[in-house]
């Protein structure tokens, strides 16, 4: 039985959602709030940051360098997200959106090319989560909800 590669299609589906979202967002929308801590552009930058982490781990795997305990994602990543927030918000909103899309596309190509038995979810001990779709979907849904709420409030 071959390892599960369903993450490739799921990633592609969420990348397409991201592409459509980025294409339709204007500057005002990108600068709008997604939640009390993040702008919409900031959330897109956050997606880019975590995809960039996967790219760094993919490079390590491709070079044949074994993963180390420090490569594991901590159980509580709030401090990482909090620490990166000011840096991410310093990126121009359109650039953050384009970066999120560019890194998502690159990440999807890279994880699709990796041996599936060496990445999570097929290897439960791998720090490289090849299923990028779940993280993207969570935040695209969050952005869509924020945009819908902004639209409702401007209509009243």
C-alpha atoms as a PDB file:
ATOM      1  CA  UNK A   1       0.000   0.000   0.000  1.00  0.00           C
ATOM      2  CA  UNK A   2       1.487   3.328  -1.015  1.00  0.00           C
ATOM      3  CA  UNK A   3       1.610   6.292   1.364  1.00  0.00           C
ATOM      4  CA  UNK A   4      -1.277   8.743   1.350  1.00  0.00           C
ATOM      5  CA  UNK A   5      -0.725  11.714  -1.000  1.00  0.00           C
ATOM      6  CA  UNK A   6      -4.198  13.216  -0.648  1.00  0.00           C
ATOM      7  CA  UNK A   7      -2.555  16.318   0.816  1.00  0.00           C
ATOM      8  CA  UNK A   8      -1.373  17.271  -2.693  1.00  0.00           C
ATOM      9  CA  UNK A   9      -4.927  17.769  -3.983  1.00  0.00           C
ATOM     10  CA  UNK A  10      -6.146  19.362  -0.760  1.00  0.00           C
ATOM     11  CA  UNK A  11      -3.245  21.823  -0.851  1.00  0.00           C
ATOM     12  CA  UNK A  12      -4.010  22.678  -4.480  1.00  0.00           C
ATOM     13  CA  UNK A  13      -7.666  23.332  -3.641  1.00  0.00           C
ATOM     14  CA  UNK A  14      -6.821  25.721  -0.799  1.00  0.00           C
ATOM     15  CA  UNK A  15      -4.106  27.392  -2.858  1.00  0.00           C
ATOM     16  CA  UNK A  16      -6.733  28.108  -5.496  1.00  0.00           C
ATOM     17  CA  UNK A  17      -9.000  29.618  -2.828  1.00  0.00           C
ATOM     18  CA  UNK A  18      -6.063  31.752  -1.684  1.00  0.00           C
ATOM     19  CA  UNK A  19      -5.345  32.830  -5.281  1.00  0.00           C
ATOM     20  CA  UNK A  20      -8.960  33.915  -5.805  1.00  0.00           C
ATOM     21  CA  UNK A  21      -9.042  35.759  -2.477  1.00  0.00           C
ATOM     22  CA  UNK A  22      -5.805  37.650  -3.124  1.00  0.00           C
ATOM     23  CA  UNK A  23      -6.977  38.586  -6.629  1.00  0.00           C
ATOM     24  CA  UNK A  24     -10.187  40.153  -5.382  1.00  0.00           C
ATOM     25  CA  UNK A  25      -8.940  41.979  -2.281  1.00  0.00           C
ATOM     26  CA  UNK A  26      -8.415  45.712  -2.599  1.00  0.00           C
ATOM     27  CA  UNK A  27      -6.010  47.803  -0.526  1.00  0.00           C
ATOM     28  CA  UNK A  28      -8.724  48.880   1.916  1.00  0.00           C
ATOM     29  CA  UNK A  29      -9.794  45.293   2.484  1.00  0.00           C
ATOM     30  CA  UNK A  30      -6.193  44.160   3.007  1.00  0.00           C
ATOM     31  CA  UNK A  31      -5.745  46.881   5.640  1.00  0.00           C
ATOM     32  CA  UNK A  32      -9.001  45.889   7.364  1.00  0.00           C
ATOM     33  CA  UNK A  33      -9.137  43.892  10.570  1.00  0.00           C
ATOM     34  CA  UNK A  34      -9.377  40.120  10.455  1.00  0.00           C
ATOM     35  CA  UNK A  35      -9.610  39.974  14.252  1.00  0.00           C
ATOM     36  CA  UNK A  36      -8.527  42.043  17.247  1.00  0.00           C
ATOM     37  CA  UNK A  37      -4.807  41.379  16.638  1.00  0.00           C
ATOM     38  CA  UNK A  38      -4.353  40.928  12.908  1.00  0.00           C
ATOM     39  CA  UNK A  39      -5.225  42.771   9.719  1.00  0.00           C
ATOM     40  CA  UNK A  40      -6.317  40.734   6.724  1.00  0.00           C
ATOM     41  CA  UNK A  41      -2.907  41.330   5.118  1.00  0.00           C
ATOM     42  CA  UNK A  42      -1.324  40.273   8.413  1.00  0.00           C
ATOM     43  CA  UNK A  43      -3.201  36.974   8.386  1.00  0.00           C
ATOM     44  CA  UNK A  44      -1.982  36.404   4.836  1.00  0.00           C
ATOM     45  CA  UNK A  45       1.558  37.169   6.002  1.00  0.00           C
ATOM     46  CA  UNK A  46       1.065  34.701   8.842  1.00  0.00           C
ATOM     47  CA  UNK A  47       0.128  32.013   6.302  1.00  0.00           C
ATOM     48  CA  UNK A  48       3.287  32.903   4.359  1.00  0.00           C
ATOM     49  CA  UNK A  49       5.442  32.602   7.496  1.00  0.00           C
ATOM     50  CA  UNK A  50       4.254  29.083   8.272  1.00  0.00           C
ATOM     51  CA  UNK A  51       4.603  27.988   4.645  1.00  0.00           C
ATOM     52  CA  UNK A  52       8.159  29.382   4.706  1.00  0.00           C
ATOM     53  CA  UNK A  53       8.872  27.168   7.723  1.00  0.00           C
ATOM     54  CA  UNK A  54       7.790  24.147   5.682  1.00  0.00           C
ATOM     55  CA  UNK A  55      10.074  25.245   2.840  1.00  0.00           C
ATOM     56  CA  UNK A  56      13.022  25.434   5.255  1.00  0.00           C
ATOM     57  CA  UNK A  57      12.262  21.932   6.517  1.00  0.00           C
ATOM     58  CA  UNK A  58      11.854  20.676   2.936  1.00  0.00           C
ATOM     59  CA  UNK A  59      15.313  21.998   2.083  1.00  0.00           C
ATOM     60  CA  UNK A  60      16.728  20.135   5.056  1.00  0.00           C
ATOM     61  CA  UNK A  61      15.008  16.914   3.987  1.00  0.00           C
ATOM     62  CA  UNK A  62      16.179  17.319   0.382  1.00  0.00           C
ATOM     63  CA  UNK A  63      19.781  17.800   1.543  1.00  0.00           C
ATOM     64  CA  UNK A  64      19.538  14.591   3.563  1.00  0.00           C
ATOM     65  CA  UNK A  65      20.041  16.397   6.868  1.00  0.00           C
ATOM     66  CA  UNK A  66      18.169  14.583   9.635  1.00  0.00           C
ATOM     67  CA  UNK A  67      15.530  16.497  11.505  1.00  0.00           C
ATOM     68  CA  UNK A  68      16.485  17.475  15.032  1.00  0.00           C
ATOM     69  CA  UNK A  69      14.292  17.938  18.095  1.00  0.00           C
ATOM     70  CA  UNK A  70      14.485  21.714  17.584  1.00  0.00           C
ATOM     71  CA  UNK A  71      12.721  21.302  14.203  1.00  0.00           C
ATOM     72  CA  UNK A  72       9.543  20.176  15.938  1.00  0.00           C
ATOM     73  CA  UNK A  73       6.747  22.703  16.103  1.00  0.00           C
ATOM     74  CA  UNK A  74       6.033  23.531  19.742  1.00  0.00           C
ATOM     75  CA  UNK A  75       2.646  22.533  21.060  1.00  0.00           C
ATOM     76  CA  UNK A  76       1.889  26.177  21.872  1.00  0.00           C
ATOM     77  CA  UNK A  77       2.860  28.449  18.979  1.00  0.00           C
ATOM     78  CA  UNK A  78       1.190  31.577  20.349  1.00  0.00           C
ATOM     79  CA  UNK A  79       4.519  33.132  21.302  1.00  0.00           C
ATOM     80  CA  UNK A  80       5.821  32.617  17.749  1.00  0.00           C
ATOM     81  CA  UNK A  81       2.726  34.189  16.229  1.00  0.00           C
ATOM     82  CA  UNK A  82       2.854  37.070  18.734  1.00  0.00           C
ATOM     83  CA  UNK A  83       6.561  37.673  18.072  1.00  0.00           C
ATOM     84  CA  UNK A  84       6.155  37.687  14.295  1.00  0.00           C
ATOM     85  CA  UNK A  85       3.043  39.914  14.246  1.00  0.00           C
ATOM     86  CA  UNK A  86       4.854  43.297  14.238  1.00  0.00           C
ATOM     87  CA  UNK A  87       7.269  42.098  11.555  1.00  0.00           C
ATOM     88  CA  UNK A  88       4.480  40.747   9.382  1.00  0.00           C
ATOM     89  CA  UNK A  89       2.413  43.907   9.794  1.00  0.00           C
ATOM     90  CA  UNK A  90       5.445  45.945   8.651  1.00  0.00           C
ATOM     91  CA  UNK A  91       5.122  44.386   5.183  1.00  0.00           C
ATOM     92  CA  UNK A  92       3.071  46.416   2.722  1.00  0.00           C
ATOM     93  CA  UNK A  93      -0.409  44.836   2.555  1.00  0.00           C
ATOM     94  CA  UNK A  94      -0.354  43.973  -1.171  1.00  0.00           C
ATOM     95  CA  UNK A  95       3.168  42.561  -0.827  1.00  0.00           C
ATOM     96  CA  UNK A  96       2.047  40.374   2.116  1.00  0.00           C
ATOM     97  CA  UNK A  97      -0.838  39.048   0.023  1.00  0.00           C
ATOM     98  CA  UNK A  98       1.380  38.326  -2.967  1.00  0.00           C
ATOM     99  CA  UNK A  99       4.016  36.737  -0.735  1.00  0.00           C
ATOM    100  CA  UNK A 100       1.400  34.440   0.802  1.00  0.00           C
ATOM    101  CA  UNK A 101       0.335  33.258  -2.639  1.00  0.00           C
ATOM    102  CA  UNK A 102       3.889  32.897  -3.976  1.00  0.00           C
ATOM    103  CA  UNK A 103       5.038  30.880  -0.955  1.00  0.00           C
ATOM    104  CA  UNK A 104       1.884  28.738  -0.986  1.00  0.00           C
ATOM    105  CA  UNK A 105       2.511  27.817  -4.612  1.00  0.00           C
ATOM    106  CA  UNK A 106       6.185  27.081  -3.961  1.00  0.00           C
ATOM    107  CA  UNK A 107       5.418  25.103  -0.823  1.00  0.00           C
ATOM    108  CA  UNK A 108       2.823  22.995  -2.618  1.00  0.00           C
ATOM    109  CA  UNK A 109       5.271  22.158  -5.415  1.00  0.00           C
ATOM    110  CA  UNK A 110       7.976  21.241  -2.923  1.00  0.00           C
ATOM    111  CA  UNK A 111       5.871  19.049  -0.642  1.00  0.00           C
ATOM    112  CA  UNK A 112       4.396  17.275  -3.675  1.00  0.00           C
ATOM    113  CA  UNK A 113       7.937  16.362  -4.752  1.00  0.00           C
ATOM    114  CA  UNK A 114       9.038  14.993  -1.368  1.00  0.00           C
ATOM    115  CA  UNK A 115       8.910  11.306  -0.469  1.00  0.00           C
ATOM    116  CA  UNK A 116       5.441  10.964   1.094  1.00  0.00           C
ATOM    117  CA  UNK A 117       6.670   8.493   3.692  1.00  0.00           C
ATOM    118  CA  UNK A 118       9.029  11.145   5.132  1.00  0.00           C
ATOM    119  CA  UNK A 119       6.453  13.874   5.830  1.00  0.00           C
ATOM    120  CA  UNK A 120       3.552  14.260   8.217  1.00  0.00           C
ATOM    121  CA  UNK A 121       0.843  12.891   8.136  1.00  0.00           C
ATOM    122  CA  UNK A 122       2.425   9.689   6.792  1.00  0.00           C
ATOM    123  CA  UNK A 123       5.391   9.955   9.181  1.00  0.00           C
ATOM    124  CA  UNK A 124       3.967  10.895  12.568  1.00  0.00           C
ATOM    125  CA  UNK A 125       7.458  11.898  13.753  1.00  0.00           C
ATOM    126  CA  UNK A 126       8.190  14.287  10.868  1.00  0.00           C
ATOM    127  CA  UNK A 127       8.093  17.998  11.749  1.00  0.00           C
ATOM    128  CA  UNK A 128       7.301  18.736   8.092  1.00  0.00           C
ATOM    129  CA  UNK A 129       3.529  19.019   7.772  1.00  0.00           C
ATOM    130  CA  UNK A 130       2.811  18.432   4.088  1.00  0.00           C
ATOM    131  CA  UNK A 131      -0.904  19.138   4.609  1.00  0.00           C
ATOM    132  CA  UNK A 132      -0.796  22.929   4.207  1.00  0.00           C
ATOM    133  CA  UNK A 133      -4.477  23.041   3.258  1.00  0.00           C
ATOM    134  CA  UNK A 134      -5.806  22.845   6.815  1.00  0.00           C
ATOM    135  CA  UNK A 135      -3.877  25.891   8.035  1.00  0.00           C
ATOM    136  CA  UNK A 136      -4.727  27.921   4.947  1.00  0.00           C
ATOM    137  CA  UNK A 137      -8.410  26.957   5.098  1.00  0.00           C
ATOM    138  CA  UNK A 138      -8.656  28.011   8.740  1.00  0.00           C
ATOM    139  CA  UNK A 139      -7.347  31.482   7.938  1.00  0.00           C
ATOM    140  CA  UNK A 140      -9.107  31.927   4.595  1.00  0.00           C
ATOM    141  CA  UNK A 141     -12.360  31.107   6.404  1.00  0.00           C
ATOM    142  CA  UNK A 142     -11.428  33.674   9.083  1.00  0.00           C
ATOM    143  CA  UNK A 143     -10.769  36.331   6.424  1.00  0.00           C
ATOM    144  CA  UNK A 144     -14.004  35.534   4.587  1.00  0.00           C
ATOM    145  CA  UNK A 145     -15.945  35.877   7.867  1.00  0.00           C
ATOM    146  CA  UNK A 146     -14.259  39.219   8.634  1.00  0.00           C
ATOM    147  CA  UNK A 147     -15.040  40.514   5.147  1.00  0.00           C
ATOM    148  CA  UNK A 148     -18.684  39.414   5.471  1.00  0.00           C
ATOM    149  CA  UNK A 149     -18.940  41.151   8.859  1.00  0.00           C
ATOM    150  CA  UNK A 150     -17.419  44.347   7.402  1.00  0.00           C
ATOM    151  CA  UNK A 151     -19.888  44.216   4.527  1.00  0.00           C
ATOM    152  CA  UNK A 152     -22.834  43.769   6.907  1.00  0.00           C
ATOM    153  CA  UNK A 153     -21.703  46.653   9.080  1.00  0.00           C
ATOM    154  CA  UNK A 154     -21.194  49.006   6.123  1.00  0.00           C
ATOM    155  CA  UNK A 155     -24.665  48.120   4.785  1.00  0.00           C
ATOM    156  CA  UNK A 156     -26.317  49.322   7.980  1.00  0.00           C
END
